[in-house]
Amino acid sequence: MTTNVSVAIINFNTAPLLIRCLQNLQRLGEATEIIVVDNASTDGSAARVQQEFPEVTLIALPENRGLPAGSNLALAKATGTYVLYLGTDAYPEAGVIHGLATYLDAHPTVAVATAELRLRDGTLDRDAHRGFPTPWASFTHFSGLNRLFPHAAWFNQYFLGQKDLAVPHEIDLCISHFMFCRRQVLTALGGWDEDFFLYGEDVDLCYRVKAAGHKIMYLPQFRVLHYKGASVGIRKQSSDISTASEETKLRATLLSTEAMARFYRKHLYARYPLPVSAAVMQGIRLLGILRRWRARQRHNRNIREAGNRPGPNRGSN
């Protein structure tokens, strides 16, 4: 079973997961072509793809230009009617790719769709089911009000907690680790914004897709296993399997709040009164300081733990 779908995978130092991802796609046999953009990995990722998957289109970059830049290179290379952006740590079940193509064939107003993403512990990946981060949505999320009122629409705009997750429905945005897109729409929008290096690029793209009058759908009849965050190492869901360096973890922490500020300045700053937008930007700065502090605490703790581990001859007579 084949469909007119190009699968785009952007990789950075996740060779074991990338190989498993490609093996899963090979087993499914539902994609027209598979494109891997390797962002200057140092773990042999590109060489393994070239050796073990000669049918895959490999774009090996000499430097890490960021996730959106890699996504644009894949978009330019893709020939399918649809492009599935897939993380190396995301593994769709049989029939998902074909089913999504069939759904979009039947629903021409839908430009982007995602599936039900499940984490390794079986819980839902809520980042695949999001609303836009308006000031109120972000406030209720980061203040914890959404957890106090989990089913109230007014307090759950960030993760759309009032929606019935068992039935298909329209959402604002999904994550780039499983984003099924009409190639023609993405090309018309100019592709991904490369000012975002990591994080926020999917929020920005979905915002522009919706602003252009297209729909984004959450389709829970299709399921995907998602390890989540394995390449950056700062997510608890994948910290046990991530091989990310401490430098990568720290950079990812910094980029997370930088992306928030960039998106807000680009799309929302002028839409709200100046005091509101000033408060939002200050809140993002404070969140960045907190996250940097936590990252440094984690880094120092890891160094101490590494120093306390017995060496091969330590403790022997």
C-alpha atoms as a PDB file:
ATOM      1  CA  MET A   1       0.000   0.000   0.000  1.00  0.00           C
ATOM      2  CA  THR A   2       1.556   3.321  -1.048  1.00  0.00           C
ATOM      3  CA  THR A   3       0.318   6.886  -0.903  1.00  0.00           C
ATOM      4  CA  ASN A   4       1.564  10.134  -2.401  1.00  0.00           C
ATOM      5  CA  VAL A   5       3.322  11.166   0.809  1.00  0.00           C
ATOM      6  CA  SER A   6       6.844  12.428   1.370  1.00  0.00           C
ATOM      7  CA  VAL A   7       8.111  11.788   4.897  1.00  0.00           C
ATOM      8  CA  ALA A   8      10.568  14.433   6.154  1.00  0.00           C
ATOM      9  CA  ILE A   9      12.794  13.619   9.124  1.00  0.00           C
ATOM     10  CA  ILE A  10      15.173  16.191  10.602  1.00  0.00           C
ATOM     11  CA  ASN A  11      17.859  14.518  12.698  1.00  0.00           C
ATOM     12  CA  PHE A  12      20.463  15.673  15.179  1.00  0.00           C
ATOM     13  CA  ASN A  13      22.495  13.052  17.043  1.00  0.00           C
ATOM     14  CA  THR A  14      19.727  10.473  17.534  1.00  0.00           C
ATOM     15  CA  ALA A  15      21.143   7.620  15.449  1.00  0.00           C
ATOM     16  CA  PRO A  16      19.494   4.696  17.335  1.00  0.00           C
ATOM     17  CA  LEU A  17      16.068   6.343  17.243  1.00  0.00           C
ATOM     18  CA  LEU A  18      16.496   7.424  13.624  1.00  0.00           C
ATOM     19  CA  ILE A  19      17.313   3.864  12.546  1.00  0.00           C
ATOM     20  CA  ARG A  20      14.276   2.542  14.411  1.00  0.00           C
ATOM     21  CA  CYS A  21      12.130   5.256  12.830  1.00  0.00           C
ATOM     22  CA  LEU A  22      13.302   4.334   9.334  1.00  0.00           C
ATOM     23  CA  GLN A  23      12.812   0.641  10.020  1.00  0.00           C
ATOM     24  CA  ASN A  24       9.242   1.354  11.106  1.00  0.00           C
ATOM     25  CA  LEU A  25       8.538   3.362   7.958  1.00  0.00           C
ATOM     26  CA  GLN A  26      10.114   0.629   5.846  1.00  0.00           C
ATOM     27  CA  ARG A  27       7.885  -1.951   7.511  1.00  0.00           C
ATOM     28  CA  LEU A  28       4.754   0.156   6.973  1.00  0.00           C
ATOM     29  CA  GLY A  29       5.516   0.811   3.300  1.00  0.00           C
ATOM     30  CA  GLU A  30       3.016   3.674   3.133  1.00  0.00           C
ATOM     31  CA  ALA A  31       5.250   6.545   1.976  1.00  0.00           C
ATOM     32  CA  THR A  32       6.222   7.516  -1.553  1.00  0.00           C
ATOM     33  CA  GLU A  33       9.603   8.814  -0.435  1.00  0.00           C
ATOM     34  CA  ILE A  34      11.571   9.396   2.748  1.00  0.00           C
ATOM     35  CA  ILE A  35      13.861  12.403   3.156  1.00  0.00           C
ATOM     36  CA  VAL A  36      16.341  12.644   6.029  1.00  0.00           C
ATOM     37  CA  VAL A  37      18.045  15.959   6.716  1.00  0.00           C
ATOM     38  CA  ASP A  38      20.949  15.463   9.100  1.00  0.00           C
ATOM     39  CA  ASN A  39      21.936  18.618  10.968  1.00  0.00           C
ATOM     40  CA  ALA A  40      25.681  17.893  11.241  1.00  0.00           C
ATOM     41  CA  SER A  41      25.321  15.009  13.693  1.00  0.00           C
ATOM     42  CA  THR A  42      28.506  13.670  15.276  1.00  0.00           C
ATOM     43  CA  ASP A  43      27.151  10.214  16.138  1.00  0.00           C
ATOM     44  CA  GLY A  44      27.414   8.664  12.672  1.00  0.00           C
ATOM     45  CA  SER A  45      23.737   9.168  11.815  1.00  0.00           C
ATOM     46  CA  ALA A  46      24.310  10.201   8.202  1.00  0.00           C
ATOM     47  CA  ALA A  47      26.724   7.353   7.478  1.00  0.00           C
ATOM     48  CA  ARG A  48      24.304   4.776   8.879  1.00  0.00           C
ATOM     49  CA  VAL A  49      21.423   6.097   6.781  1.00  0.00           C
ATOM     50  CA  GLN A  50      23.590   6.043   3.672  1.00  0.00           C
ATOM     51  CA  GLN A  51      24.768   2.492   4.338  1.00  0.00           C
ATOM     52  CA  GLU A  52      21.593   0.872   5.696  1.00  0.00           C
ATOM     53  CA  PHE A  53      18.874   2.752   3.799  1.00  0.00           C
ATOM     54  CA  PRO A  54      20.152   3.560   0.299  1.00  0.00           C
ATOM     55  CA  GLU A  55      16.596   4.230  -0.887  1.00  0.00           C
ATOM     56  CA  VAL A  56      16.278   7.180   1.512  1.00  0.00           C
ATOM     57  CA  THR A  57      17.075  10.663   0.217  1.00  0.00           C
ATOM     58  CA  LEU A  58      19.787  11.954   2.549  1.00  0.00           C
ATOM     59  CA  ILE A  59      20.731  15.611   2.922  1.00  0.00           C
ATOM     60  CA  ALA A  60      23.780  15.792   5.195  1.00  0.00           C
ATOM     61  CA  LEU A  61      24.523  19.348   6.312  1.00  0.00           C
ATOM     62  CA  PRO A  62      27.995  20.519   7.341  1.00  0.00           C
ATOM     63  CA  GLU A  63      26.530  22.595  10.182  1.00  0.00           C
ATOM     64  CA  ASN A  64      23.423  22.577  12.338  1.00  0.00           C
ATOM     65  CA  ARG A  65      21.206  25.236  10.804  1.00  0.00           C
ATOM     66  CA  GLY A  66      18.214  24.486  13.018  1.00  0.00           C
ATOM     67  CA  LEU A  67      15.005  22.537  12.698  1.00  0.00           C
ATOM     68  CA  PRO A  68      13.097  24.967  10.413  1.00  0.00           C
ATOM     69  CA  ALA A  69      16.006  25.239   7.968  1.00  0.00           C
ATOM     70  CA  GLY A  70      16.167  21.461   7.720  1.00  0.00           C
ATOM     71  CA  SER A  71      12.403  21.311   7.292  1.00  0.00           C
ATOM     72  CA  ASN A  72      12.587  23.791   4.403  1.00  0.00           C
ATOM     73  CA  LEU A  73      15.290  21.757   2.676  1.00  0.00           C
ATOM     74  CA  ALA A  74      13.075  18.689   2.924  1.00  0.00           C
ATOM     75  CA  LEU A  75      10.081  20.666   1.657  1.00  0.00           C
ATOM     76  CA  ALA A  76      12.039  21.825  -1.396  1.00  0.00           C
ATOM     77  CA  LYS A  77      13.097  18.247  -2.119  1.00  0.00           C
ATOM     78  CA  ALA A  78       9.701  16.622  -1.529  1.00  0.00           C
ATOM     79  CA  THR A  79       7.572  15.520  -4.480  1.00  0.00           C
ATOM     80  CA  GLY A  80       4.512  14.174  -2.652  1.00  0.00           C
ATOM     81  CA  THR A  81       1.118  15.833  -2.510  1.00  0.00           C
ATOM     82  CA  TYR A  82       1.537  15.639   1.259  1.00  0.00           C
ATOM     83  CA  VAL A  83       4.562  15.994   3.527  1.00  0.00           C
ATOM     84  CA  LEU A  84       4.633  14.236   6.890  1.00  0.00           C
ATOM     85  CA  TYR A  85       7.092  15.896   9.237  1.00  0.00           C
ATOM     86  CA  LEU A  86       8.171  13.136  11.579  1.00  0.00           C
ATOM     87  CA  GLY A  87      10.471  13.198  14.589  1.00  0.00           C
ATOM     88  CA  THR A  88      13.064  10.466  14.888  1.00  0.00           C
ATOM     89  CA  ASP A  89      11.308   9.500  18.127  1.00  0.00           C
ATOM     90  CA  ALA A  90       7.820   9.181  16.583  1.00  0.00           C
ATOM     91  CA  TYR A  91       6.493   5.853  15.333  1.00  0.00           C
ATOM     92  CA  PRO A  92       3.110   5.740  13.559  1.00  0.00           C
ATOM     93  CA  GLU A  93       1.053   2.564  13.571  1.00  0.00           C
ATOM     94  CA  ALA A  94       0.115   0.702  10.401  1.00  0.00           C
ATOM     95  CA  GLY A  95      -2.431   2.552   8.273  1.00  0.00           C
ATOM     96  CA  VAL A  96      -1.816   5.978   9.806  1.00  0.00           C
ATOM     97  CA  ILE A  97       0.001   7.569   6.859  1.00  0.00           C
ATOM     98  CA  HIS A  98      -2.384   6.131   4.301  1.00  0.00           C
ATOM     99  CA  GLY A  99      -5.383   7.085   6.463  1.00  0.00           C
ATOM    100  CA  LEU A 100      -4.279  10.678   6.843  1.00  0.00           C
ATOM    101  CA  ALA A 101      -3.744  11.033   3.105  1.00  0.00           C
ATOM    102  CA  THR A 102      -7.200   9.603   2.473  1.00  0.00           C
ATOM    103  CA  TYR A 103      -8.724  12.009   5.012  1.00  0.00           C
ATOM    104  CA  LEU A 104      -7.082  15.075   3.474  1.00  0.00           C
ATOM    105  CA  ASP A 105      -8.060  13.893  -0.006  1.00  0.00           C
ATOM    106  CA  ALA A 106     -11.687  13.986   1.183  1.00  0.00           C
ATOM    107  CA  HIS A 107     -11.383  17.293   3.100  1.00  0.00           C
ATOM    108  CA  PRO A 108      -9.791  19.950   0.860  1.00  0.00           C
ATOM    109  CA  THR A 109     -10.108  22.733   3.450  1.00  0.00           C
ATOM    110  CA  VAL A 110      -7.796  20.851   5.826  1.00  0.00           C
ATOM    111  CA  ALA A 111      -4.144  21.789   5.321  1.00  0.00           C
ATOM    112  CA  VAL A 112      -2.590  20.177   8.391  1.00  0.00           C
ATOM    113  CA  ALA A 113      -3.543  17.183  10.511  1.00  0.00           C
ATOM    114  CA  THR A 114      -2.085  15.275  13.400  1.00  0.00           C
ATOM    115  CA  ALA A 115      -2.827  12.027  15.179  1.00  0.00           C
ATOM    116  CA  GLU A 116      -3.255  10.880  18.765  1.00  0.00           C
ATOM    117  CA  LEU A 117       0.285  10.858  20.123  1.00  0.00           C
ATOM    118  CA  ARG A 118       0.920   8.551  23.055  1.00  0.00           C
ATOM    119  CA  LEU A 119       3.992   8.691  25.263  1.00  0.00           C
ATOM    120  CA  ARG A 120       5.850   5.588  26.396  1.00  0.00           C
ATOM    121  CA  ASP A 121       3.836   5.434  29.618  1.00  0.00           C
ATOM    122  CA  GLY A 122       0.598   5.413  27.623  1.00  0.00           C
ATOM    123  CA  THR A 123      -0.451   8.966  28.463  1.00  0.00           C
ATOM    124  CA  LEU A 124      -1.373  11.528  25.833  1.00  0.00           C
ATOM    125  CA  ASP A 125       1.179  13.961  24.484  1.00  0.00           C
ATOM    126  CA  ARG A 126      -0.823  17.127  25.084  1.00  0.00           C
ATOM    127  CA  ASP A 127       1.534  19.222  22.951  1.00  0.00           C
ATOM    128  CA  ALA A 128      -0.052  17.586  19.899  1.00  0.00           C
ATOM    129  CA  HIS A 129      -3.382  19.173  20.864  1.00  0.00           C
ATOM    130  CA  ARG A 130      -2.889  22.879  21.459  1.00  0.00           C
ATOM    131  CA  GLY A 131      -4.473  26.268  21.318  1.00  0.00           C
ATOM    132  CA  PHE A 132      -2.528  29.398  20.435  1.00  0.00           C
ATOM    133  CA  PRO A 133      -0.519  30.861  23.360  1.00  0.00           C
ATOM    134  CA  THR A 134      -2.506  34.055  23.853  1.00  0.00           C
ATOM    135  CA  PRO A 135      -1.828  36.011  27.064  1.00  0.00           C
ATOM    136  CA  TRP A 136      -4.845  34.493  28.819  1.00  0.00           C
ATOM    137  CA  ALA A 137      -4.200  30.940  27.598  1.00  0.00           C
ATOM    138  CA  SER A 138      -0.568  31.159  28.696  1.00  0.00           C
ATOM    139  CA  PHE A 139      -1.456  32.694  32.067  1.00  0.00           C
ATOM    140  CA  THR A 140      -3.947  29.953  32.933  1.00  0.00           C
ATOM    141  CA  HIS A 141      -1.433  27.307  31.874  1.00  0.00           C
ATOM    142  CA  PHE A 142       1.665  28.572  33.680  1.00  0.00           C
ATOM    143  CA  SER A 143      -0.288  29.626  36.777  1.00  0.00           C
ATOM    144  CA  GLY A 144      -1.897  26.192  37.082  1.00  0.00           C
ATOM    145  CA  LEU A 145      -5.480  27.430  36.794  1.00  0.00           C
ATOM    146  CA  ASN A 146      -6.102  24.930  34.004  1.00  0.00           C
ATOM    147  CA  ARG A 147      -5.340  22.085  36.414  1.00  0.00           C
ATOM    148  CA  LEU A 148      -7.830  23.435  38.943  1.00  0.00           C
ATOM    149  CA  PHE A 149     -10.562  23.584  36.289  1.00  0.00           C
ATOM    150  CA  PRO A 150      -9.576  20.811  33.839  1.00  0.00           C
ATOM    151  CA  HIS A 151     -12.793  20.824  31.818  1.00  0.00           C
ATOM    152  CA  ALA A 152     -13.662  24.520  31.788  1.00  0.00           C
ATOM    153  CA  ALA A 153     -13.158  26.043  28.348  1.00  0.00           C
ATOM    154  CA  TRP A 154     -12.260  29.450  29.788  1.00  0.00           C
ATOM    155  CA  PHE A 155      -9.296  28.021  31.719  1.00  0.00           C
ATOM    156  CA  ASN A 156      -8.142  25.414  29.181  1.00  0.00           C
ATOM    157  CA  GLN A 157      -7.382  27.320  26.013  1.00  0.00           C
ATOM    158  CA  TYR A 158      -3.715  26.271  26.080  1.00  0.00           C
ATOM    159  CA  PHE A 159      -4.300  22.506  25.730  1.00  0.00           C
ATOM    160  CA  LEU A 160      -7.972  22.729  24.678  1.00  0.00           C
ATOM    161  CA  GLY A 161      -8.877  20.530  27.633  1.00  0.00           C
ATOM    162  CA  GLN A 162     -12.602  21.021  27.086  1.00  0.00           C
ATOM    163  CA  LYS A 163     -12.482  19.124  23.767  1.00  0.00           C
ATOM    164  CA  ASP A 164     -13.561  15.494  23.411  1.00  0.00           C
ATOM    165  CA  LEU A 165     -10.283  13.754  22.619  1.00  0.00           C
ATOM    166  CA  ALA A 166     -12.073  10.651  21.375  1.00  0.00           C
ATOM    167  CA  VAL A 167     -13.525  12.319  18.279  1.00  0.00           C
ATOM    168  CA  PRO A 168     -11.953  14.277  15.394  1.00  0.00           C
ATOM    169  CA  HIS A 169     -12.050  18.054  15.775  1.00  0.00           C
ATOM    170  CA  GLU A 170     -10.328  21.235  14.720  1.00  0.00           C
ATOM    171  CA  ILE A 171      -7.411  22.568  16.779  1.00  0.00           C
ATOM    172  CA  ASP A 172      -5.084  25.564  16.587  1.00  0.00           C
ATOM    173  CA  LEU A 173      -1.748  23.821  16.412  1.00  0.00           C
ATOM    174  CA  CYS A 174       0.212  20.591  16.700  1.00  0.00           C
ATOM    175  CA  ILE A 175       3.891  19.765  17.038  1.00  0.00           C
ATOM    176  CA  SER A 176       6.314  19.365  14.182  1.00  0.00           C
ATOM    177  CA  HIS A 177       7.288  15.861  15.300  1.00  0.00           C
ATOM    178  CA  PHE A 178       4.091  14.586  13.721  1.00  0.00           C
ATOM    179  CA  MET A 179       2.597  17.101  11.343  1.00  0.00           C
ATOM    180  CA  PHE A 180       0.853  15.921   8.170  1.00  0.00           C
ATOM    181  CA  CYS A 181       0.729  18.810   5.675  1.00  0.00           C
ATOM    182  CA  ARG A 182      -0.403  19.735   2.184  1.00  0.00           C
ATOM    183  CA  ARG A 183       2.866  20.509   0.440  1.00  0.00           C
ATOM    184  CA  GLN A 184       1.246  23.124  -1.796  1.00  0.00           C
ATOM    185  CA  VAL A 185      -0.062  25.105   1.185  1.00  0.00           C
ATOM    186  CA  LEU A 186       3.304  25.110   2.963  1.00  0.00           C
ATOM    187  CA  THR A 187       5.061  26.206  -0.208  1.00  0.00           C
ATOM    188  CA  ALA A 188       2.536  29.025  -0.754  1.00  0.00           C
ATOM    189  CA  LEU A 189       3.150  30.241   2.803  1.00  0.00           C
ATOM    190  CA  GLY A 190       6.896  30.376   2.220  1.00  0.00           C
ATOM    191  CA  GLY A 191       7.689  27.328   4.308  1.00  0.00           C
ATOM    192  CA  TRP A 192       9.048  27.412   7.835  1.00  0.00           C
ATOM    193  CA  ASP A 193      10.379  30.569   9.477  1.00  0.00           C
ATOM    194  CA  GLU A 194      14.114  29.996   9.915  1.00  0.00           C
ATOM    195  CA  ASP A 195      14.367  32.735  12.532  1.00  0.00           C
ATOM    196  CA  PHE A 196      13.169  29.995  14.907  1.00  0.00           C
ATOM    197  CA  PHE A 197      16.091  27.622  15.496  1.00  0.00           C
ATOM    198  CA  LEU A 198      14.321  25.115  17.734  1.00  0.00           C
ATOM    199  CA  TYR A 199      10.895  25.355  19.378  1.00  0.00           C
ATOM    200  CA  GLY A 200       8.125  27.674  18.258  1.00  0.00           C
ATOM    201  CA  GLU A 201       8.559  26.937  14.568  1.00  0.00           C
ATOM    202  CA  ASP A 202       5.467  24.705  14.599  1.00  0.00           C
ATOM    203  CA  VAL A 203       3.400  27.274  16.523  1.00  0.00           C
ATOM    204  CA  ASP A 204       4.385  29.919  13.980  1.00  0.00           C
ATOM    205  CA  LEU A 205       3.615  27.720  10.974  1.00  0.00           C
ATOM    206  CA  CYS A 206       0.235  26.659  12.317  1.00  0.00           C
ATOM    207  CA  TYR A 207      -0.635  30.283  13.084  1.00  0.00           C
ATOM    208  CA  ARG A 208       0.074  31.234   9.484  1.00  0.00           C
ATOM    209  CA  VAL A 209      -1.840  28.209   8.162  1.00  0.00           C
ATOM    210  CA  LYS A 210      -4.934  29.232  10.142  1.00  0.00           C
ATOM    211  CA  ALA A 211      -4.539  32.906   9.236  1.00  0.00           C
ATOM    212  CA  ALA A 212      -4.609  31.876   5.579  1.00  0.00           C
ATOM    213  CA  GLY A 213      -8.019  30.288   6.118  1.00  0.00           C
ATOM    214  CA  HIS A 214      -7.060  26.612   6.312  1.00  0.00           C
ATOM    215  CA  LYS A 215      -8.053  24.066   8.951  1.00  0.00           C
ATOM    216  CA  ILE A 216      -5.853  22.022  11.284  1.00  0.00           C
ATOM    217  CA  MET A 217      -7.380  18.762  12.492  1.00  0.00           C
ATOM    218  CA  TYR A 218      -6.787  16.421  15.417  1.00  0.00           C
ATOM    219  CA  LEU A 219      -7.627  12.880  14.294  1.00  0.00           C
ATOM    220  CA  PRO A 220      -7.527  10.422  17.229  1.00  0.00           C
ATOM    221  CA  GLN A 221      -8.478   7.451  15.042  1.00  0.00           C
ATOM    222  CA  PHE A 222      -4.807   7.416  14.049  1.00  0.00           C
ATOM    223  CA  ARG A 223      -2.186   6.607  16.690  1.00  0.00           C
ATOM    224  CA  VAL A 224       1.501   7.333  17.046  1.00  0.00           C
ATOM    225  CA  LEU A 225       4.026   6.415  19.732  1.00  0.00           C
ATOM    226  CA  HIS A 226       6.119   9.445  20.677  1.00  0.00           C
ATOM    227  CA  TYR A 227       9.198   9.287  22.907  1.00  0.00           C
ATOM    228  CA  LYS A 228       9.239  13.116  23.074  1.00  0.00           C
ATOM    229  CA  GLY A 229      12.337  15.253  23.369  1.00  0.00           C
ATOM    230  CA  ALA A 230      14.987  12.575  22.911  1.00  0.00           C
ATOM    231  CA  SER A 231      17.240  14.828  20.828  1.00  0.00           C
ATOM    232  CA  VAL A 232      17.385  17.653  23.409  1.00  0.00           C
ATOM    233  CA  GLY A 233      17.375  15.677  26.650  1.00  0.00           C
ATOM    234  CA  ILE A 234      15.374  18.111  28.783  1.00  0.00           C
ATOM    235  CA  ARG A 235      12.079  16.222  28.759  1.00  0.00           C
ATOM    236  CA  LYS A 236      11.473  13.800  31.615  1.00  0.00           C
ATOM    237  CA  GLN A 237       9.634  11.484  29.217  1.00  0.00           C
ATOM    238  CA  SER A 238      12.873  10.633  27.395  1.00  0.00           C
ATOM    239  CA  SER A 239      15.686  11.641  29.750  1.00  0.00           C
ATOM    240  CA  ASP A 240      16.582   7.982  30.321  1.00  0.00           C
ATOM    241  CA  ILE A 241      17.269   7.334  26.627  1.00  0.00           C
ATOM    242  CA  SER A 242      18.554  10.704  25.457  1.00  0.00           C
ATOM    243  CA  THR A 243      22.224  10.982  24.522  1.00  0.00           C
ATOM    244  CA  ALA A 244      22.131  14.785  24.358  1.00  0.00           C
ATOM    245  CA  SER A 245      25.187  16.530  25.751  1.00  0.00           C
ATOM    246  CA  GLU A 246      24.931  18.983  28.620  1.00  0.00           C
ATOM    247  CA  GLU A 247      25.693  21.743  26.119  1.00  0.00           C
ATOM    248  CA  THR A 248      22.751  20.654  23.966  1.00  0.00           C
ATOM    249  CA  LYS A 249      20.446  20.501  26.993  1.00  0.00           C
ATOM    250  CA  LEU A 250      21.416  24.011  28.097  1.00  0.00           C
ATOM    251  CA  ARG A 251      21.004  25.424  24.600  1.00  0.00           C
ATOM    252  CA  ALA A 252      17.574  23.809  24.275  1.00  0.00           C
ATOM    253  CA  THR A 253      16.533  25.367  27.586  1.00  0.00           C
ATOM    254  CA  LEU A 254      17.550  28.819  26.385  1.00  0.00           C
ATOM    255  CA  LEU A 255      15.866  28.382  23.016  1.00  0.00           C
ATOM    256  CA  SER A 256      12.538  27.368  24.559  1.00  0.00           C
ATOM    257  CA  THR A 257      11.808  30.800  26.013  1.00  0.00           C
ATOM    258  CA  GLU A 258      13.517  32.640  23.151  1.00  0.00           C
ATOM    259  CA  ALA A 259      10.981  30.999  20.847  1.00  0.00           C
ATOM    260  CA  MET A 260       8.100  32.146  23.051  1.00  0.00           C
ATOM    261  CA  ALA A 261       9.299  35.743  22.865  1.00  0.00           C
ATOM    262  CA  ARG A 262       9.891  35.570  19.109  1.00  0.00           C
ATOM    263  CA  PHE A 263       6.413  34.199  18.396  1.00  0.00           C
ATOM    264  CA  TYR A 264       4.705  36.748  20.635  1.00  0.00           C
ATOM    265  CA  ARG A 265       6.574  39.679  19.100  1.00  0.00           C
ATOM    266  CA  LYS A 266       5.822  38.456  15.575  1.00  0.00           C
ATOM    267  CA  HIS A 267       2.123  37.652  15.872  1.00  0.00           C
ATOM    268  CA  LEU A 268       0.531  38.908  19.102  1.00  0.00           C
ATOM    269  CA  TYR A 269       2.393  41.916  20.498  1.00  0.00           C
ATOM    270  CA  ALA A 270       0.518  44.515  18.467  1.00  0.00           C
ATOM    271  CA  ARG A 271      -2.862  42.856  19.006  1.00  0.00           C
ATOM    272  CA  TYR A 272      -2.983  43.601  22.741  1.00  0.00           C
ATOM    273  CA  PRO A 273      -2.701  46.790  24.816  1.00  0.00           C
ATOM    274  CA  LEU A 274       0.888  47.790  25.535  1.00  0.00           C
ATOM    275  CA  PRO A 275       0.691  47.025  29.304  1.00  0.00           C
ATOM    276  CA  VAL A 276      -0.533  43.487  28.535  1.00  0.00           C
ATOM    277  CA  SER A 277       2.183  42.790  25.988  1.00  0.00           C
ATOM    278  CA  ALA A 278       4.845  44.318  28.239  1.00  0.00           C
ATOM    279  CA  ALA A 279       3.692  42.050  31.075  1.00  0.00           C
ATOM    280  CA  VAL A 280       3.804  39.014  28.790  1.00  0.00           C
ATOM    281  CA  MET A 281       7.351  39.777  27.660  1.00  0.00           C
ATOM    282  CA  GLN A 282       8.463  40.289  31.250  1.00  0.00           C
ATOM    283  CA  GLY A 283       6.844  36.989  32.205  1.00  0.00           C
ATOM    284  CA  ILE A 284       8.738  35.220  29.432  1.00  0.00           C
ATOM    285  CA  ARG A 285      12.003  36.784  30.625  1.00  0.00           C
ATOM    286  CA  LEU A 286      11.355  35.611  34.189  1.00  0.00           C
ATOM    287  CA  LEU A 287      10.494  32.125  32.950  1.00  0.00           C
ATOM    288  CA  GLY A 288      13.746  32.094  30.994  1.00  0.00           C
ATOM    289  CA  ILE A 289      15.732  33.033  34.100  1.00  0.00           C
ATOM    290  CA  LEU A 290      14.022  30.265  36.084  1.00  0.00           C
ATOM    291  CA  ARG A 291      14.636  27.670  33.397  1.00  0.00           C
ATOM    292  CA  ARG A 292      18.303  28.666  33.049  1.00  0.00           C
ATOM    293  CA  TRP A 293      18.760  28.395  36.803  1.00  0.00           C
ATOM    294  CA  ARG A 294      17.188  24.936  36.844  1.00  0.00           C
ATOM    295  CA  ALA A 295      19.337  23.873  33.889  1.00  0.00           C
ATOM    296  CA  ARG A 296      22.524  24.974  35.654  1.00  0.00           C
ATOM    297  CA  GLN A 297      21.433  23.206  38.846  1.00  0.00           C
ATOM    298  CA  ARG A 298      20.874  20.042  36.835  1.00  0.00           C
ATOM    299  CA  HIS A 299      24.224  20.444  35.094  1.00  0.00           C
ATOM    300  CA  ASN A 300      26.085  20.885  38.392  1.00  0.00           C
ATOM    301  CA  ARG A 301      24.255  17.928  39.924  1.00  0.00           C
ATOM    302  CA  ASN A 302      25.201  15.714  36.978  1.00  0.00           C
ATOM    303  CA  ILE A 303      28.839  16.742  37.325  1.00  0.00           C
ATOM    304  CA  ARG A 304      28.817  15.933  41.050  1.00  0.00           C
ATOM    305  CA  GLU A 305      27.165  12.568  40.445  1.00  0.00           C
ATOM    306  CA  ALA A 306      29.680  11.728  37.736  1.00  0.00           C
ATOM    307  CA  GLY A 307      32.534  12.618  40.088  1.00  0.00           C
ATOM    308  CA  ASN A 308      31.132  10.422  42.862  1.00  0.00           C
ATOM    309  CA  ARG A 309      30.811   7.339  40.707  1.00  0.00           C
ATOM    310  CA  PRO A 310      33.525   4.770  41.481  1.00  0.00           C
ATOM    311  CA  GLY A 311      36.082   4.353  38.717  1.00  0.00           C
ATOM    312  CA  PRO A 312      37.232   0.986  37.455  1.00  0.00           C
ATOM    313  CA  ASN A 313      39.936   0.690  40.143  1.00  0.00           C
ATOM    314  CA  ARG A 314      38.424   2.873  42.830  1.00  0.00           C
ATOM    315  CA  GLY A 315      37.806   1.063  46.116  1.00  0.00           C
ATOM    316  CA  SER A 316      39.991  -1.932  45.276  1.00  0.00           C
ATOM    317  CA  ASN A 317      42.879  -3.090  47.447  1.00  0.00           C
END
